[in-house]
């Protein structure tokens, strides 16, 4: 065999095969799976996820506002109940029992 044939043809082919086998081994591992997930997760899915996140944040904010209003209403109810209880317990001054 010609030595130039080995160095000009077989060496580059062997290097190409070695690179291809290495690439296959790397891409079948965790790096390849991560790359595949990244490719599968297109921009549409990212947009959909972002939209769902915005909706969830809006719902959370609405819930927090509702809870604040509920706490305020509970405080008002407690205050009204205390006023009513105080009116029942206090002696009445004025026209009670006096007839004209």
C-alpha atoms as a PDB file:
ATOM      1  CA  UNK A   1       0.000   0.000   0.000  1.00  0.00           C
ATOM      2  CA  UNK A   2       1.049   3.497  -0.731  1.00  0.00           C
ATOM      3  CA  UNK A   3       2.013   5.507   2.395  1.00  0.00           C
ATOM      4  CA  UNK A   4       0.477   8.650   0.908  1.00  0.00           C
ATOM      5  CA  UNK A   5      -2.837   6.818   0.515  1.00  0.00           C
ATOM      6  CA  UNK A   6      -2.869   5.968   4.215  1.00  0.00           C
ATOM      7  CA  UNK A   7      -2.028   9.515   5.322  1.00  0.00           C
ATOM      8  CA  UNK A   8      -4.291  11.255   2.768  1.00  0.00           C
ATOM      9  CA  UNK A   9      -7.394   9.001   2.867  1.00  0.00           C
ATOM     10  CA  UNK A  10      -7.513   6.702   5.875  1.00  0.00           C
ATOM     11  CA  UNK A  11      -6.321   9.173   8.531  1.00  0.00           C
ATOM     12  CA  UNK A  12      -9.010  11.801   7.803  1.00  0.00           C
ATOM     13  CA  UNK A  13     -11.643   9.045   7.556  1.00  0.00           C
ATOM     14  CA  UNK A  14     -10.546   7.590  10.903  1.00  0.00           C
ATOM     15  CA  UNK A  15     -10.658  11.040  12.486  1.00  0.00           C
ATOM     16  CA  UNK A  16     -14.150  11.616  11.063  1.00  0.00           C
ATOM     17  CA  UNK A  17     -15.369   8.268  12.403  1.00  0.00           C
ATOM     18  CA  UNK A  18     -13.834   9.011  15.809  1.00  0.00           C
ATOM     19  CA  UNK A  19     -15.529  12.434  15.930  1.00  0.00           C
ATOM     20  CA  UNK A  20     -18.871  10.932  14.884  1.00  0.00           C
ATOM     21  CA  UNK A  21     -18.718   8.177  17.507  1.00  0.00           C
ATOM     22  CA  UNK A  22     -17.746  10.703  20.189  1.00  0.00           C
ATOM     23  CA  UNK A  23     -20.629  12.999  19.191  1.00  0.00           C
ATOM     24  CA  UNK A  24     -23.112  10.123  19.350  1.00  0.00           C
ATOM     25  CA  UNK A  25     -21.891   9.094  22.805  1.00  0.00           C
ATOM     26  CA  UNK A  26     -22.081  12.658  24.126  1.00  0.00           C
ATOM     27  CA  UNK A  27     -25.519  13.347  22.615  1.00  0.00           C
ATOM     28  CA  UNK A  28     -26.998  10.141  24.043  1.00  0.00           C
ATOM     29  CA  UNK A  29     -26.046  11.191  27.566  1.00  0.00           C
ATOM     30  CA  UNK A  30     -27.473  13.878  29.834  1.00  0.00           C
ATOM     31  CA  UNK A  31     -26.171  16.661  27.626  1.00  0.00           C
ATOM     32  CA  UNK A  32     -28.023  15.253  24.647  1.00  0.00           C
ATOM     33  CA  UNK A  33     -31.250  14.862  26.628  1.00  0.00           C
ATOM     34  CA  UNK A  34     -30.996  18.457  27.851  1.00  0.00           C
ATOM     35  CA  UNK A  35     -30.383  19.641  24.308  1.00  0.00           C
ATOM     36  CA  UNK A  36     -33.375  17.634  23.061  1.00  0.00           C
ATOM     37  CA  UNK A  37     -35.639  19.154  25.742  1.00  0.00           C
ATOM     38  CA  UNK A  38     -34.422  22.601  24.768  1.00  0.00           C
ATOM     39  CA  UNK A  39     -35.161  21.941  21.096  1.00  0.00           C
ATOM     40  CA  UNK A  40     -38.598  20.470  21.858  1.00  0.00           C
ATOM     41  CA  UNK A  41     -39.541  23.418  24.060  1.00  0.00           C
ATOM     42  CA  UNK A  42     -40.258  25.842  21.280  1.00  0.00           C
ATOM     43  CA  UNK A  43     -40.999  29.533  21.672  1.00  0.00           C
ATOM     44  CA  UNK A  44     -44.725  28.798  21.552  1.00  0.00           C
ATOM     45  CA  UNK A  45     -44.493  26.665  24.665  1.00  0.00           C
ATOM     46  CA  UNK A  46     -42.403  29.346  26.382  1.00  0.00           C
ATOM     47  CA  UNK A  47     -45.007  31.957  25.434  1.00  0.00           C
ATOM     48  CA  UNK A  48     -47.758  29.675  26.737  1.00  0.00           C
ATOM     49  CA  UNK A  49     -45.888  29.186  30.000  1.00  0.00           C
ATOM     50  CA  UNK A  50     -45.321  32.928  30.336  1.00  0.00           C
ATOM     51  CA  UNK A  51     -49.008  33.593  29.702  1.00  0.00           C
ATOM     52  CA  UNK A  52     -50.032  31.038  32.333  1.00  0.00           C
ATOM     53  CA  UNK A  53     -47.602  32.588  34.793  1.00  0.00           C
ATOM     54  CA  UNK A  54     -49.100  36.040  34.184  1.00  0.00           C
ATOM     55  CA  UNK A  55     -52.612  34.645  34.715  1.00  0.00           C
ATOM     56  CA  UNK A  56     -51.542  32.939  37.949  1.00  0.00           C
ATOM     57  CA  UNK A  57     -49.932  36.150  39.212  1.00  0.00           C
ATOM     58  CA  UNK A  58     -53.092  38.118  38.386  1.00  0.00           C
ATOM     59  CA  UNK A  59     -55.224  35.575  40.245  1.00  0.00           C
ATOM     60  CA  UNK A  60     -52.867  35.693  43.222  1.00  0.00           C
ATOM     61  CA  UNK A  61     -53.056  39.476  43.325  1.00  0.00           C
ATOM     62  CA  UNK A  62     -56.866  39.319  43.126  1.00  0.00           C
ATOM     63  CA  UNK A  63     -56.927  36.779  45.948  1.00  0.00           C
ATOM     64  CA  UNK A  64     -54.695  38.960  48.101  1.00  0.00           C
ATOM     65  CA  UNK A  65     -56.984  41.962  47.525  1.00  0.00           C
ATOM     66  CA  UNK A  66     -60.011  39.852  48.406  1.00  0.00           C
ATOM     67  CA  UNK A  67     -58.345  38.684  51.610  1.00  0.00           C
ATOM     68  CA  UNK A  68     -57.529  42.277  52.562  1.00  0.00           C
ATOM     69  CA  UNK A  69     -61.154  43.320  51.975  1.00  0.00           C
ATOM     70  CA  UNK A  70     -62.377  40.354  54.000  1.00  0.00           C
ATOM     71  CA  UNK A  71     -60.126  41.286  56.922  1.00  0.00           C
ATOM     72  CA  UNK A  72     -61.382  44.872  56.761  1.00  0.00           C
ATOM     73  CA  UNK A  73     -64.996  43.670  56.740  1.00  0.00           C
ATOM     74  CA  UNK A  74     -64.328  41.376  59.700  1.00  0.00           C
ATOM     75  CA  UNK A  75     -62.896  44.315  61.631  1.00  0.00           C
ATOM     76  CA  UNK A  76     -65.953  46.416  60.806  1.00  0.00           C
ATOM     77  CA  UNK A  77     -68.275  43.619  61.878  1.00  0.00           C
ATOM     78  CA  UNK A  78     -66.416  43.218  65.174  1.00  0.00           C
ATOM     79  CA  UNK A  79     -66.660  46.973  65.748  1.00  0.00           C
ATOM     80  CA  UNK A  80     -70.411  46.985  65.020  1.00  0.00           C
ATOM     81  CA  UNK A  81     -70.944  44.012  67.338  1.00  0.00           C
ATOM     82  CA  UNK A  82     -69.070  45.807  70.136  1.00  0.00           C
ATOM     83  CA  UNK A  83     -71.194  48.924  69.634  1.00  0.00           C
ATOM     84  CA  UNK A  84     -74.401  46.888  69.768  1.00  0.00           C
ATOM     85  CA  UNK A  85     -73.239  45.035  72.864  1.00  0.00           C
ATOM     86  CA  UNK A  86     -72.318  48.313  74.528  1.00  0.00           C
ATOM     87  CA  UNK A  87     -75.774  49.765  73.790  1.00  0.00           C
ATOM     88  CA  UNK A  88     -77.479  46.751  75.378  1.00  0.00           C
ATOM     89  CA  UNK A  89     -75.298  46.884  78.491  1.00  0.00           C
ATOM     90  CA  UNK A  90     -75.392  50.642  79.124  1.00  0.00           C
ATOM     91  CA  UNK A  91     -78.223  52.183  81.160  1.00  0.00           C
ATOM     92  CA  UNK A  92     -80.451  54.436  79.133  1.00  0.00           C
ATOM     93  CA  UNK A  93     -80.735  58.031  80.169  1.00  0.00           C
ATOM     94  CA  UNK A  94     -83.544  60.237  79.008  1.00  0.00           C
ATOM     95  CA  UNK A  95     -87.170  59.517  78.365  1.00  0.00           C
ATOM     96  CA  UNK A  96     -87.336  55.892  79.448  1.00  0.00           C
ATOM     97  CA  UNK A  97     -89.922  55.418  82.111  1.00  0.00           C
ATOM     98  CA  UNK A  98     -91.036  59.081  82.039  1.00  0.00           C
ATOM     99  CA  UNK A  99     -94.492  59.790  80.765  1.00  0.00           C
ATOM    100  CA  UNK A 100     -95.778  63.194  79.885  1.00  0.00           C
END
